[in-house]
Structures are given as structure tokens and as C-alpha cells.
C-alpha atoms as a PDB file:
ATOM      1  CA  MET A   1       0.034   0.015   0.003  1.00  0.00           C
ATOM      2  CA  THR A   2       1.377   3.408  -0.994  1.00  0.00           C
ATOM      3  CA  SER A   3      -0.700   5.304   1.584  1.00  0.00           C
ATOM      4  CA  PRO A   4      -2.891   4.367   4.594  1.00  0.00           C
ATOM      5  CA  ILE A   5      -6.425   3.343   3.759  1.00  0.00           C
ATOM      6  CA  PRO A   6      -9.117   5.759   5.017  1.00  0.00           C
ATOM      7  CA  THR A   7     -11.162   3.683   7.498  1.00  0.00           C
ATOM      8  CA  ASN A   8     -14.393   4.481   9.314  1.00  0.00           C
ATOM      9  CA  LEU A   9     -16.353   2.717  12.001  1.00  0.00           C
ATOM     10  CA  VAL A  10     -20.162   2.862  11.739  1.00  0.00           C
ATOM     11  CA  LEU A  11     -21.563   2.263  15.190  1.00  0.00           C
ATOM     12  CA  GLY A  12     -25.114   2.056  16.578  1.00  0.00           C
ATOM     13  CA  PHE A  13     -27.400   0.068  18.813  1.00  0.00           C
ATOM     14  CA  LEU A  14     -29.277  -2.985  17.621  1.00  0.00           C
ATOM     15  CA  GLY A  15     -31.736  -2.175  14.821  1.00  0.00           C
ATOM     16  CA  VAL A  16     -30.703   1.454  14.317  1.00  0.00           C
ATOM     17  CA  GLY A  17     -30.045   1.002  10.609  1.00  0.00           C
ATOM     18  CA  LYS A  18     -26.284   0.651  10.246  1.00  0.00           C
ATOM     19  CA  THR A  19     -26.385  -1.743   7.270  1.00  0.00           C
ATOM     20  CA  THR A  20     -28.914   0.477   5.452  1.00  0.00           C
ATOM     21  CA  ALA A  21     -26.621   3.449   6.062  1.00  0.00           C
ATOM     22  CA  ILE A  22     -23.616   1.633   4.644  1.00  0.00           C
ATOM     23  CA  LEU A  23     -25.619   0.511   1.631  1.00  0.00           C
ATOM     24  CA  ASP A  24     -26.496   4.168   1.058  1.00  0.00           C
ATOM     25  CA  LEU A  25     -22.830   5.183   1.320  1.00  0.00           C
ATOM     26  CA  LEU A  26     -21.778   2.502  -1.170  1.00  0.00           C
ATOM     27  CA  LYS A  27     -24.242   3.921  -3.677  1.00  0.00           C
ATOM     28  CA  LYS A  28     -22.402   7.269  -3.357  1.00  0.00           C
ATOM     29  CA  LYS A  29     -18.956   5.766  -3.832  1.00  0.00           C
ATOM     30  CA  PRO A  30     -16.852   7.808  -6.281  1.00  0.00           C
ATOM     31  CA  GLU A  31     -16.611   6.152  -9.687  1.00  0.00           C
ATOM     32  CA  GLY A  32     -13.433   4.132 -10.029  1.00  0.00           C
ATOM     33  CA  GLU A  33     -12.876   3.666  -6.310  1.00  0.00           C
ATOM     34  CA  VAL A  34     -12.853   0.283  -4.575  1.00  0.00           C
ATOM     35  CA  TRP A  35     -14.539   0.136  -1.170  1.00  0.00           C
ATOM     36  CA  ALA A  36     -14.486  -2.730   1.264  1.00  0.00           C
ATOM     37  CA  VAL A  37     -16.677  -3.536   4.265  1.00  0.00           C
ATOM     38  CA  LEU A  38     -15.830  -5.603   7.345  1.00  0.00           C
ATOM     39  CA  VAL A  39     -19.140  -6.546   8.975  1.00  0.00           C
ATOM     40  CA  ASN A  40     -19.893  -8.356  12.236  1.00  0.00           C
ATOM     41  CA  GLU A  41     -23.321  -9.561  13.284  1.00  0.00           C
ATOM     42  CA  PHE A  42     -24.440 -10.860  16.637  1.00  0.00           C
ATOM     43  CA  GLY A  43     -25.951 -13.840  14.855  1.00  0.00           C
ATOM     44  CA  GLU A  44     -24.241 -16.535  12.829  1.00  0.00           C
ATOM     45  CA  VAL A  45     -25.782 -16.586   9.359  1.00  0.00           C
ATOM     46  CA  GLY A  46     -24.387 -13.443   7.760  1.00  0.00           C
ATOM     47  CA  ILE A  47     -27.476 -11.611   6.466  1.00  0.00           C
ATOM     48  CA  ASP A  48     -25.976  -8.123   6.552  1.00  0.00           C
ATOM     49  CA  GLY A  49     -22.934  -9.287   4.617  1.00  0.00           C
ATOM     50  CA  ALA A  50     -25.176 -10.794   1.935  1.00  0.00           C
ATOM     51  CA  LEU A  51     -27.025  -7.470   1.589  1.00  0.00           C
ATOM     52  CA  LEU A  52     -23.854  -5.406   1.369  1.00  0.00           C
ATOM     53  CA  GLU A  53     -22.460  -7.515  -1.457  1.00  0.00           C
ATOM     54  CA  THR A  54     -25.299  -6.324  -3.689  1.00  0.00           C
ATOM     55  CA  GLU A  55     -23.609  -2.938  -4.040  1.00  0.00           C
ATOM     56  CA  GLY A  56     -20.424  -4.383  -5.463  1.00  0.00           C
ATOM     57  CA  ALA A  57     -18.265  -3.867  -2.386  1.00  0.00           C
ATOM     58  CA  PHE A  58     -15.727  -6.363  -1.192  1.00  0.00           C
ATOM     59  CA  VAL A  59     -17.298  -7.761   2.006  1.00  0.00           C
ATOM     60  CA  ARG A  60     -15.748  -9.866   4.727  1.00  0.00           C
ATOM     61  CA  GLU A  61     -17.635 -11.154   7.802  1.00  0.00           C
ATOM     62  CA  VAL A  62     -16.253 -11.730  11.300  1.00  0.00           C
ATOM     63  CA  PRO A  63     -17.775 -14.815  12.946  1.00  0.00           C
ATOM     64  CA  GLY A  64     -20.947 -14.337  15.065  1.00  0.00           C
ATOM     65  CA  GLY A  65     -20.680 -12.700  18.423  1.00  0.00           C
ATOM     66  CA  CYS A  66     -19.420  -9.191  19.024  1.00  0.00           C
ATOM     67  CA  MET A  67     -16.401  -7.959  17.135  1.00  0.00           C
ATOM     68  CA  CYS A  68     -14.866  -6.501  20.268  1.00  0.00           C
ATOM     69  CA  CYS A  69     -14.640 -10.026  21.665  1.00  0.00           C
ATOM     70  CA  VAL A  70     -13.020 -11.300  18.498  1.00  0.00           C
ATOM     71  CA  ALA A  71     -10.825  -8.252  17.914  1.00  0.00           C
ATOM     72  CA  GLY A  72      -7.821 -10.523  17.972  1.00  0.00           C
ATOM     73  CA  LEU A  73      -7.138 -13.137  15.326  1.00  0.00           C
ATOM     74  CA  PRO A  74     -10.586 -13.423  13.621  1.00  0.00           C
ATOM     75  CA  MET A  75     -10.862  -9.680  13.072  1.00  0.00           C
ATOM     76  CA  GLN A  76      -7.264  -9.383  11.912  1.00  0.00           C
ATOM     77  CA  ILE A  77      -7.756 -12.281   9.473  1.00  0.00           C
ATOM     78  CA  GLY A  78     -10.809 -10.543   8.012  1.00  0.00           C
ATOM     79  CA  LEU A  79      -8.990  -7.220   7.784  1.00  0.00           C
ATOM     80  CA  ASN A  80      -5.933  -8.714   6.172  1.00  0.00           C
ATOM     81  CA  GLN A  81      -7.962 -10.605   3.598  1.00  0.00           C
ATOM     82  CA  LEU A  82      -9.887  -7.479   2.651  1.00  0.00           C
ATOM     83  CA  ILE A  83      -6.720  -5.356   2.445  1.00  0.00           C
ATOM     84  CA  HIS A  84      -4.817  -7.813   0.269  1.00  0.00           C
ATOM     85  CA  LYS A  85      -7.695  -8.977  -1.919  1.00  0.00           C
ATOM     86  CA  ALA A  86      -9.550  -5.700  -2.442  1.00  0.00           C
ATOM     87  CA  ARG A  87      -6.739  -3.137  -2.055  1.00  0.00           C
ATOM     88  CA  PRO A  88      -9.536  -0.734  -1.180  1.00  0.00           C
ATOM     89  CA  ASP A  89      -9.589   3.061  -1.448  1.00  0.00           C
ATOM     90  CA  ARG A  90     -11.780   3.084   1.667  1.00  0.00           C
ATOM     91  CA  LEU A  91     -12.674   0.594   4.371  1.00  0.00           C
ATOM     92  CA  LEU A  92     -15.940   0.659   6.332  1.00  0.00           C
ATOM     93  CA  ILE A  93     -16.374  -1.388   9.498  1.00  0.00           C
ATOM     94  CA  GLU A  94     -19.764  -2.271  10.959  1.00  0.00           C
ATOM     95  CA  PRO A  95     -19.585  -3.935  14.395  1.00  0.00           C
ATOM     96  CA  THR A  96     -22.647  -5.554  15.893  1.00  0.00           C
ATOM     97  CA  GLY A  97     -25.021  -3.232  17.691  1.00  0.00           C
ATOM     98  CA  LEU A  98     -24.396  -5.278  20.823  1.00  0.00           C
ATOM     99  CA  GLY A  99     -20.664  -4.652  20.941  1.00  0.00           C
ATOM    100  CA  HIS A 100     -18.185  -2.294  22.602  1.00  0.00           C
ATOM    101  CA  PRO A 101     -15.896  -0.318  20.238  1.00  0.00           C
ATOM    102  CA  SER A 102     -12.821   0.141  22.446  1.00  0.00           C
ATOM    103  CA  GLN A 103     -10.913  -2.994  21.516  1.00  0.00           C
ATOM    104  CA  ILE A 104     -11.779  -2.581  17.840  1.00  0.00           C
ATOM    105  CA  ILE A 105     -10.298   0.916  17.860  1.00  0.00           C
ATOM    106  CA  GLU A 106      -7.274  -0.363  19.792  1.00  0.00           C
ATOM    107  CA  THR A 107      -6.691  -2.984  17.077  1.00  0.00           C
ATOM    108  CA  LEU A 108      -7.130  -0.526  14.193  1.00  0.00           C
ATOM    109  CA  THR A 109      -4.697   1.978  15.686  1.00  0.00           C
ATOM    110  CA  GLY A 110      -2.198  -0.621  16.986  1.00  0.00           C
ATOM    111  CA  GLU A 111       1.223  -1.363  15.599  1.00  0.00           C
ATOM    112  CA  HIS A 112       0.029  -3.878  13.007  1.00  0.00           C
ATOM    113  CA  TYR A 113      -2.166  -1.339  11.233  1.00  0.00           C
ATOM    114  CA  GLN A 114      -0.792   2.098  12.117  1.00  0.00           C
ATOM    115  CA  ASP A 115       0.898   2.438   8.731  1.00  0.00           C
ATOM    116  CA  VAL A 116      -1.844   0.577   6.813  1.00  0.00           C
ATOM    117  CA  LEU A 117      -5.065   2.224   8.068  1.00  0.00           C
ATOM    118  CA  GLN A 118      -5.963   5.828   8.737  1.00  0.00           C
ATOM    119  CA  LEU A 119      -8.887   5.907  11.124  1.00  0.00           C
ATOM    120  CA  GLY A 120     -11.289   8.648  10.148  1.00  0.00           C
ATOM    121  CA  PRO A 121     -14.307   9.973  12.025  1.00  0.00           C
ATOM    122  CA  VAL A 122     -16.210   7.320  13.990  1.00  0.00           C
ATOM    123  CA  LEU A 123     -19.929   7.548  13.149  1.00  0.00           C
ATOM    124  CA  CYS A 124     -22.690   6.515  15.568  1.00  0.00           C
ATOM    125  CA  LEU A 125     -26.307   6.273  14.551  1.00  0.00           C
ATOM    126  CA  VAL A 126     -28.976   6.816  17.204  1.00  0.00           C
ATOM    127  CA  ASP A 127     -32.728   6.284  17.011  1.00  0.00           C
ATOM    128  CA  PRO A 128     -34.152   9.246  18.959  1.00  0.00           C
ATOM    129  CA  ARG A 129     -37.128   7.151  20.026  1.00  0.00           C
ATOM    130  CA  ARG A 130     -34.853   4.836  22.040  1.00  0.00           C
ATOM    131  CA  LEU A 131     -33.748   7.731  24.229  1.00  0.00           C
ATOM    132  CA  GLU A 132     -37.116   7.337  26.033  1.00  0.00           C
ATOM    133  CA  GLU A 133     -35.973   3.920  27.265  1.00  0.00           C
ATOM    134  CA  GLN A 134     -33.965   4.014  30.453  1.00  0.00           C
ATOM    135  CA  LYS A 135     -32.588   0.538  29.774  1.00  0.00           C
ATOM    136  CA  VAL A 136     -31.014   1.895  26.578  1.00  0.00           C
ATOM    137  CA  LEU A 137     -29.590   4.981  28.211  1.00  0.00           C
ATOM    138  CA  GLU A 138     -28.044   2.852  30.947  1.00  0.00           C
ATOM    139  CA  ASN A 139     -26.759   0.191  28.542  1.00  0.00           C
ATOM    140  CA  VAL A 140     -22.957   0.135  28.621  1.00  0.00           C
ATOM    141  CA  GLN A 141     -22.661  -0.813  24.938  1.00  0.00           C
ATOM    142  CA  PHE A 142     -24.841   2.153  23.918  1.00  0.00           C
ATOM    143  CA  GLN A 143     -22.887   4.487  26.222  1.00  0.00           C
ATOM    144  CA  ASP A 144     -19.552   3.343  24.798  1.00  0.00           C
ATOM    145  CA  GLN A 145     -20.663   3.587  21.188  1.00  0.00           C
ATOM    146  CA  VAL A 146     -21.776   7.153  21.723  1.00  0.00           C
ATOM    147  CA  ALA A 147     -18.628   8.022  23.709  1.00  0.00           C
ATOM    148  CA  ALA A 148     -16.338   6.685  20.975  1.00  0.00           C
ATOM    149  CA  ALA A 149     -18.135   8.601  18.201  1.00  0.00           C
ATOM    150  CA  ASP A 150     -16.888  11.777  16.574  1.00  0.00           C
ATOM    151  CA  ILE A 151     -20.147  12.250  14.707  1.00  0.00           C
ATOM    152  CA  VAL A 152     -23.559  11.378  16.132  1.00  0.00           C
ATOM    153  CA  ILE A 153     -26.449  10.987  13.710  1.00  0.00           C
ATOM    154  CA  ALA A 154     -30.139  10.879  14.555  1.00  0.00           C
ATOM    155  CA  ASN A 155     -31.531   8.278  12.176  1.00  0.00           C
ATOM    156  CA  LYS A 156     -35.170   7.398  11.475  1.00  0.00           C
ATOM    157  CA  THR A 157     -36.274  10.994  12.160  1.00  0.00           C
ATOM    158  CA  ASP A 158     -39.219  10.434   9.758  1.00  0.00           C
ATOM    159  CA  LEU A 159     -40.581   8.017  12.403  1.00  0.00           C
ATOM    160  CA  CYS A 160     -40.029  10.384  15.295  1.00  0.00           C
ATOM    161  CA  THR A 161     -42.259  13.084  16.761  1.00  0.00           C
ATOM    162  CA  PRO A 162     -40.853  16.652  16.943  1.00  0.00           C
ATOM    163  CA  GLU A 163     -40.577  16.170  20.680  1.00  0.00           C
ATOM    164  CA  GLN A 164     -38.422  13.055  20.250  1.00  0.00           C
ATOM    165  CA  VAL A 165     -36.087  14.942  17.891  1.00  0.00           C
ATOM    166  CA  ASP A 166     -35.866  17.796  20.364  1.00  0.00           C
ATOM    167  CA  ARG A 167     -35.016  15.361  23.097  1.00  0.00           C
ATOM    168  CA  PHE A 168     -32.189  13.967  20.974  1.00  0.00           C
ATOM    169  CA  ASP A 169     -30.838  17.478  20.310  1.00  0.00           C
ATOM    170  CA  HIS A 170     -30.764  18.320  24.012  1.00  0.00           C
ATOM    171  CA  TRP A 171     -29.248  14.945  24.925  1.00  0.00           C
ATOM    172  CA  VAL A 172     -26.449  15.146  22.334  1.00  0.00           C
ATOM    173  CA  ALA A 173     -25.680  18.764  23.244  1.00  0.00           C
ATOM    174  CA  GLU A 174     -24.892  17.715  26.799  1.00  0.00           C
ATOM    175  CA  LEU A 175     -22.368  15.011  25.768  1.00  0.00           C
ATOM    176  CA  GLN A 176     -18.797  15.586  26.860  1.00  0.00           C
ATOM    177  CA  PRO A 177     -16.497  16.003  25.149  1.00  0.00           C
ATOM    178  CA  GLU A 178     -18.481  17.827  22.494  1.00  0.00           C
ATOM    179  CA  LYS A 179     -18.966  15.936  19.257  1.00  0.00           C
ATOM    180  CA  THR A 180     -17.287  17.057  16.050  1.00  0.00           C
ATOM    181  CA  ALA A 181     -20.655  17.159  14.292  1.00  0.00           C
ATOM    182  CA  VAL A 182     -24.318  16.184  14.809  1.00  0.00           C
ATOM    183  CA  PHE A 183     -26.733  15.399  12.018  1.00  0.00           C
ATOM    184  CA  HIS A 184     -30.340  14.363  11.460  1.00  0.00           C
ATOM    185  CA  THR A 185     -31.318  11.886   8.737  1.00  0.00           C
ATOM    186  CA  ARG A 186     -33.851   9.286   7.723  1.00  0.00           C
ATOM    187  CA  GLN A 187     -33.674   5.864   6.123  1.00  0.00           C
ATOM    188  CA  GLY A 188     -29.923   5.721   6.772  1.00  0.00           C
ATOM    189  CA  ARG A 189     -29.028   8.445   4.298  1.00  0.00           C
ATOM    190  CA  LEU A 190     -25.474   9.594   5.039  1.00  0.00           C
ATOM    191  CA  GLU A 191     -23.237  11.998   3.213  1.00  0.00           C
ATOM    192  CA  SER A 192     -19.878  10.576   2.111  1.00  0.00           C
ATOM    193  CA  VAL A 193     -18.137  13.832   3.116  1.00  0.00           C
ATOM    194  CA  TRP A 194     -18.862  12.855   6.771  1.00  0.00           C
ATOM    195  CA  LEU A 195     -16.248  10.119   6.365  1.00  0.00           C
ATOM    196  CA  ASP A 196     -13.388  12.538   5.727  1.00  0.00           C
ATOM    197  CA  GLY A 197     -10.976  13.677   8.390  1.00  0.00           C
ATOM    198  CA  GLU A 198      -9.551  12.047  11.483  1.00  0.00           C
ATOM    199  CA  THR A 199     -10.939  10.607  14.671  1.00  0.00           C
ATOM    200  CA  ALA A 200     -10.387  12.309  18.014  1.00  0.00           C
ATOM    201  CA  LEU A 201      -9.996   8.868  19.637  1.00  0.00           C
ATOM    202  CA  SER A 202     -12.368   9.791  22.427  1.00  0.00           C
ATOM    203  CA  GLU A 203     -12.136   7.656  25.528  1.00  0.00           C
ATOM    204  CA  VAL A 204     -15.053   5.337  26.130  1.00  0.00           C
ATOM    205  CA  SER A 205     -16.698   4.949  29.499  1.00  0.00           C
ATOM    206  CA  THR A 206     -15.712   1.334  30.143  1.00  0.00           C
ATOM    207  CA  PRO A 207     -12.653   0.598  27.953  1.00  0.00           C
ATOM    208  CA  HIS A 208     -11.977  -2.806  29.503  1.00  0.00           C
ATOM    209  CA  ALA A 209     -15.601  -4.037  29.542  1.00  0.00           C
ATOM    210  CA  HIS A 210     -14.817  -7.030  27.394  1.00  0.00           C
ATOM    211  CA  HIS A 211     -11.185  -7.816  28.174  1.00  0.00           C
ATOM    212  CA  HIS A 212     -12.324 -10.928  30.089  1.00  0.00           C
ATOM    213  CA  HIS A 213     -14.142 -12.402  27.085  1.00  0.00           C
ATOM    214  CA  ALA A 214     -12.427 -14.981  24.895  1.00  0.00           C
ATOM    215  CA  SER A 215     -13.438 -15.475  21.358  1.00  0.00           C
ATOM    216  CA  SER A 216     -14.524 -18.974  20.282  1.00  0.00           C
ATOM    217  CA  GLU A 217     -13.223 -20.564  17.125  1.00  0.00           C
ATOM    218  CA  ALA A 218     -15.834 -20.534  14.415  1.00  0.00           C
ATOM    219  CA  SER A 219     -17.022 -23.929  13.198  1.00  0.00           C
ATOM    220  CA  PRO A 220     -16.776 -24.631   9.458  1.00  0.00           C
ATOM    221  CA  VAL A 221     -20.020 -23.909   7.656  1.00  0.00           C
ATOM    222  CA  PRO A 222     -21.426 -27.067   5.976  1.00  0.00           C
ATOM    223  CA  ASP A 223     -22.071 -27.051   2.266  1.00  0.00           C
ATOM    224  CA  ILE A 224     -25.739 -26.164   1.643  1.00  0.00           C
ATOM    225  CA  GLN A 225     -26.001 -29.056  -0.836  1.00  0.00           C
ATOM    226  CA  ASP A 226     -24.944 -31.548   1.799  1.00  0.00           C
ATOM    227  CA  GLU A 227     -27.007 -29.998   4.581  1.00  0.00           C
ATOM    228  CA  PRO A 228     -29.931 -28.033   3.052  1.00  0.00           C
ATOM    229  CA  TRP A 229     -31.415 -26.937   6.416  1.00  0.00           C
ATOM    230  CA  GLN A 230     -28.865 -25.503   8.846  1.00  0.00           C
ATOM    231  CA  ARG A 231     -29.748 -23.997  12.237  1.00  0.00           C
ATOM    232  CA  VAL A 232     -27.332 -22.075  14.448  1.00  0.00           C
ATOM    233  CA  SER A 233     -27.670 -20.227  17.761  1.00  0.00           C
ATOM    234  CA  ASN A 234     -25.762 -17.586  19.717  1.00  0.00           C
ATOM    235  CA  ARG A 235     -26.122 -15.852  23.100  1.00  0.00           C
ATOM    236  CA  GLY A 236     -24.475 -13.029  24.955  1.00  0.00           C
ATOM    237  CA  GLN A 237     -24.902  -9.461  26.118  1.00  0.00           C
ATOM    238  CA  GLY A 238     -28.387 -10.326  27.407  1.00  0.00           C
ATOM    239  CA  HIS A 239     -29.589 -11.421  23.931  1.00  0.00           C
ATOM    240  CA  PHE A 240     -30.257 -14.686  22.131  1.00  0.00           C
ATOM    241  CA  SER A 241     -30.261 -15.449  18.418  1.00  0.00           C
ATOM    242  CA  VAL A 242     -31.345 -18.271  16.229  1.00  0.00           C
ATOM    243  CA  GLY A 243     -30.490 -18.343  12.533  1.00  0.00           C
ATOM    244  CA  TRP A 244     -31.034 -20.580   9.562  1.00  0.00           C
ATOM    245  CA  ARG A 245     -29.277 -21.210   6.258  1.00  0.00           C
ATOM    246  CA  VAL A 246     -31.657 -22.901   3.831  1.00  0.00           C
ATOM    247  CA  HIS A 247     -31.199 -24.360   0.374  1.00  0.00           C
ATOM    248  CA  PRO A 248     -32.536 -21.991  -2.323  1.00  0.00           C
ATOM    249  CA  ASP A 249     -34.879 -24.638  -3.720  1.00  0.00           C
ATOM    250  CA  THR A 250     -36.920 -24.289  -0.558  1.00  0.00           C
ATOM    251  CA  VAL A 251     -39.663 -21.712  -1.131  1.00  0.00           C
ATOM    252  CA  PHE A 252     -41.285 -19.904   1.772  1.00  0.00           C
ATOM    253  CA  SER A 253     -44.685 -18.258   2.045  1.00  0.00           C
ATOM    254  CA  GLU A 254     -44.010 -14.552   2.210  1.00  0.00           C
ATOM    255  CA  THR A 255     -47.187 -14.009   4.219  1.00  0.00           C
ATOM    256  CA  ALA A 256     -46.150 -16.664   6.740  1.00  0.00           C
ATOM    257  CA  LEU A 257     -42.638 -15.161   7.121  1.00  0.00           C
ATOM    258  CA  LEU A 258     -44.148 -11.708   7.705  1.00  0.00           C
ATOM    259  CA  ALA A 259     -46.455 -13.137  10.359  1.00  0.00           C
ATOM    260  CA  LEU A 260     -43.532 -14.886  12.040  1.00  0.00           C
ATOM    261  CA  SER A 261     -41.451 -11.695  12.006  1.00  0.00           C
ATOM    262  CA  LEU A 262     -44.035  -9.935  14.153  1.00  0.00           C
ATOM    263  CA  ASP A 263     -43.598 -12.357  17.092  1.00  0.00           C
ATOM    264  CA  SER A 264     -43.605 -10.104  20.164  1.00  0.00           C
ATOM    265  CA  ARG A 265     -40.603 -11.898  21.636  1.00  0.00           C
ATOM    266  CA  PHE A 266     -38.288 -10.700  18.830  1.00  0.00           C
ATOM    267  CA  VAL A 267     -36.366  -7.451  18.990  1.00  0.00           C
ATOM    268  CA  ARG A 268     -35.104  -8.199  15.499  1.00  0.00           C
ATOM    269  CA  PHE A 269     -36.055 -10.422  12.562  1.00  0.00           C
ATOM    270  CA  LYS A 270     -34.001 -10.438   9.388  1.00  0.00           C
ATOM    271  CA  ALA A 271     -34.256 -12.517   6.265  1.00  0.00           C
ATOM    272  CA  VAL A 272     -33.006 -12.776   2.717  1.00  0.00           C
ATOM    273  CA  ALA A 273     -35.206 -15.573   1.446  1.00  0.00           C
ATOM    274  CA  GLN A 274     -36.806 -17.263  -1.563  1.00  0.00           C
ATOM    275  CA  THR A 275     -40.561 -16.860  -1.446  1.00  0.00           C
ATOM    276  CA  SER A 276     -43.418 -17.815  -3.714  1.00  0.00           C
ATOM    277  CA  ASP A 277     -43.448 -14.206  -4.859  1.00  0.00           C
ATOM    278  CA  GLY A 278     -39.710 -14.059  -5.519  1.00  0.00           C
ATOM    279  CA  TRP A 279     -36.600 -13.230  -3.463  1.00  0.00           C
ATOM    280  CA  ARG A 280     -37.267 -10.879  -0.581  1.00  0.00           C
ATOM    281  CA  THR A 281     -35.403  -9.068   2.108  1.00  0.00           C
ATOM    282  CA  ILE A 282     -37.411  -8.749   5.322  1.00  0.00           C
ATOM    283  CA  ASN A 283     -36.371  -6.589   8.232  1.00  0.00           C
ATOM    284  CA  MET A 284     -38.242  -6.029  11.506  1.00  0.00           C
ATOM    285  CA  ALA A 285     -36.788  -3.812  14.218  1.00  0.00           C
ATOM    286  CA  ASP A 286     -38.590  -1.951  16.986  1.00  0.00           C
ATOM    287  CA  GLY A 287     -41.936  -3.052  15.599  1.00  0.00           C
ATOM    288  CA  ALA A 288     -41.221  -1.497  12.155  1.00  0.00           C
ATOM    289  CA  LEU A 289     -41.395  -4.000   9.316  1.00  0.00           C
ATOM    290  CA  SER A 290     -39.929  -3.484   5.830  1.00  0.00           C
ATOM    291  CA  VAL A 291     -39.966  -5.772   2.813  1.00  0.00           C
ATOM    292  CA  SER A 292     -38.188  -5.367  -0.504  1.00  0.00           C
ATOM    293  CA  GLU A 293     -37.318  -7.348  -3.607  1.00  0.00           C
ATOM    294  CA  CYS A 294     -33.779  -8.575  -4.062  1.00  0.00           C
ATOM    295  CA  GLU A 295     -31.629 -10.557  -6.462  1.00  0.00           C
ATOM    296  CA  PRO A 296     -31.534 -14.353  -6.129  1.00  0.00           C
ATOM    297  CA  ARG A 297     -28.938 -15.663  -3.715  1.00  0.00           C
ATOM    298  CA  GLU A 298     -27.052 -18.899  -3.307  1.00  0.00           C
ATOM    299  CA  LEU A 299     -29.192 -19.736  -0.234  1.00  0.00           C
ATOM    300  CA  SER A 300     -31.863 -18.253   2.041  1.00  0.00           C
ATOM    301  CA  ARG A 301     -30.781 -16.757   5.360  1.00  0.00           C
ATOM    302  CA  LEU A 302     -33.125 -16.001   8.249  1.00  0.00           C
ATOM    303  CA  GLU A 303     -32.445 -14.880  11.821  1.00  0.00           C
ATOM    304  CA  VAL A 304     -34.252 -13.775  14.963  1.00  0.00           C
ATOM    305  CA  ILE A 305     -32.803 -11.955  18.006  1.00  0.00           C
ATOM    306  CA  SER A 306     -34.550 -11.775  21.364  1.00  0.00           C
ATOM    307  CA  GLU A 307     -33.917 -10.503  24.868  1.00  0.00           C
ATOM    308  CA  GLN A 308     -35.294 -13.746  26.263  1.00  0.00           C
ATOM    309  CA  SER A 309     -34.267 -17.355  25.841  1.00  0.00           C
ATOM    310  CA  LEU A 310     -36.048 -18.957  22.901  1.00  0.00           C
ATOM    311  CA  ASP A 311     -37.378 -22.447  22.324  1.00  0.00           C
ATOM    312  CA  VAL A 312     -35.356 -23.162  19.194  1.00  0.00           C
ATOM    313  CA  ASP A 313     -37.251 -26.340  18.353  1.00  0.00           C
ATOM    314  CA  GLU A 314     -40.539 -24.468  18.495  1.00  0.00           C
ATOM    315  CA  LEU A 315     -39.162 -21.734  16.232  1.00  0.00           C
ATOM    316  CA  ASP A 316     -37.730 -24.299  13.876  1.00  0.00           C
ATOM    317  CA  ALA A 317     -41.094 -25.970  13.588  1.00  0.00           C
ATOM    318  CA  SER A 318     -42.787 -22.600  12.952  1.00  0.00           C
ATOM    319  CA  LEU A 319     -40.356 -21.790  10.193  1.00  0.00           C
ATOM    320  CA  ARG A 320     -40.818 -25.179   8.561  1.00  0.00           C
ATOM    321  CA  GLU A 321     -44.562 -24.614   8.601  1.00  0.00           C
ATOM    322  CA  SER A 322     -43.995 -21.491   6.469  1.00  0.00           C
ATOM    323  CA  ILE A 323     -42.478 -23.580   3.639  1.00  0.00           C
ATOM    324  CA  GLU A 324     -44.710 -23.683   0.564  1.00  0.00           C
ATOM    325  CA  LYS A 325     -42.706 -26.129  -1.483  1.00  0.00           C
ATOM    326  CA  THR A 326     -39.324 -27.760  -1.722  1.00  0.00           C
ATOM    327  CA  GLY A 327     -37.667 -30.377  -3.862  1.00  0.00           C
ATOM    328  CA  LEU A 328     -35.461 -31.321  -0.938  1.00  0.00           C
ATOM    329  CA  SER A 329     -35.799 -33.270   2.292  1.00  0.00           C
ATOM    330  CA  CYS A 330     -35.064 -30.717   5.046  1.00  0.00           C
END
């Protein structure tokens, strides 16, 4: 590399719209530039990575869990592969909304990458509606994401009342140290100019919150042809996830998937799936449901995240009931 790669972290609590925001940034990428994305999800099936690949970016996923817990070897492997394969003009990093940023920043600014990466402004998206929830305000992950940010962005303002936006403005104005910039947006629309500059490397509130965690080695993913119905689970940070990788010949009822997504136990439902009406992306967060068409994929991916322990066999049975047809034995 002739010069350090401009690198930005895009932080935000679970369901705030980080992947949508990065998709928007990728659409604004200068012609001729190569951008790469390192993405980490709390779950195990890689739905966000599959979505980001649609915009032509080089994408690498860090195994399920929180990136701060795997900021050692797994993260460095993903980074190194992106750097050497893509030789990007810019690198975007999306940690899970349930992670702490301190160890990620420590890795990015450490001796292995100090001449390779140039860490630009750290962006943090906030849903103003969540500021009404004391459990969010007191959440150490949320606090650390905001503390580490140079730029704080109120997202989903089209879904907020004027009072909720005012509350955000008063809240962010009281943050210390003062943020480099504060913006309002909707539907994850960011300006690429916000990525330029340098980070202030603000100190987070609990920099050693995850030093006691050890990352687990990721198990090899079976070939979908050999195992056409794959179920995986994860837990941590007070949340539980169940995900599925399903052979693309399995066709789901879109109506049944939408009904399943509205289960009151879920704080998040995500899917990129083959339905009887075509391939769909389904996203439910904070009670808001969105559905859109997408290009065919090599397999369907579905995932739920909950704050309570889930009966995975019950969920598996419910998902199987939503199958309309398949030429396979699942």
C-alpha cells in the first residue's frame, strides 16, 4: 500500500439502521474507487454481509458474536484478507449493535495497522425514540458507542415526533467532550463527506468491559448441498439469536414469514429468502417492518434476535410450517 487506507467505524445500537446506512454510502462511492466492508453480526448466518455484497463492495464477515470479543485473530484475518484482496480506497467497518468499540479501535490503531489504516471519524447512529428507554440509556454498549463517536447521527427521524427529535438534540448537546458534528437523517441516508478527516480517539466509559471475554473458534459452515437446512444459535450481552441457512430450492410463504417476523418476543427479525413471490429481504426492528425485492442468492438466510431465551425447536417448527414447497428433504 502506498498510503494508509481511510477507515471508518459505523456504530449504533441494535436495529438502528447501520447496514442500510452503509448501503447508502456504497451507492455514493466515487466512480473508479474500490470500497471494502468488514461486517460483524451478533448472529451466525451473515445476512448483513449478503445485503452489502449487492452494491459491489468487497465484503468480509467476522464470525458471530461481538467484534470486540473477536478483535484478535478473527478480526485481523478478516482485515488482512480485505486489504490484500480488495486493495480498497476506503474501508468501512460495521460492528454488531451489541458490541463495545474500544478494543476494535485499539486494534485498528495498533502497531500492526498504524501504517496501513488511517482511522477517520467514527460515526454513531442513534434512534431518537430509544432515548425514552432508560434501559437503553443505561446500557454500557450504547454508552460506549456514543462516547467513541466523533459524529452522532439521529436516524429514522421520519418516524419520530418533533418532541423526540428535540429530546435527541438536548441529549447530544450535553455530551462531553463535545462531538465534532451532529446530524439528522432518515432511512440511513449519510453523506460521504462525513467520512473525511480524522478521529479524536475519544475515551469510552468502560474501555476494559470485554477484556475478560475470549473468542470462540468458528465452526466450518457445511455445504448447503450436503445439509440443506442449517440451524445455528448464539447468546451473549443479554440477547439470544437463532439463525437458519436454507437451500434456495426451498420456497417460503411470504405471508407466513411476515407473520412470524411480528412475534412479540423478537427485537429483530432479518431474512433474505426465496418466497413464492420471488426473493425478498425482510427486516423487523422496533416493531417496524420493511420488505423489498432482491436478487436471487445462493441460499436463504433468516435470523431472529430476542432478549429472552427462545425455544429453538418451536421456532424451527414454525419456520418449517411457512415452507410452501421444496424439492429437498429438510
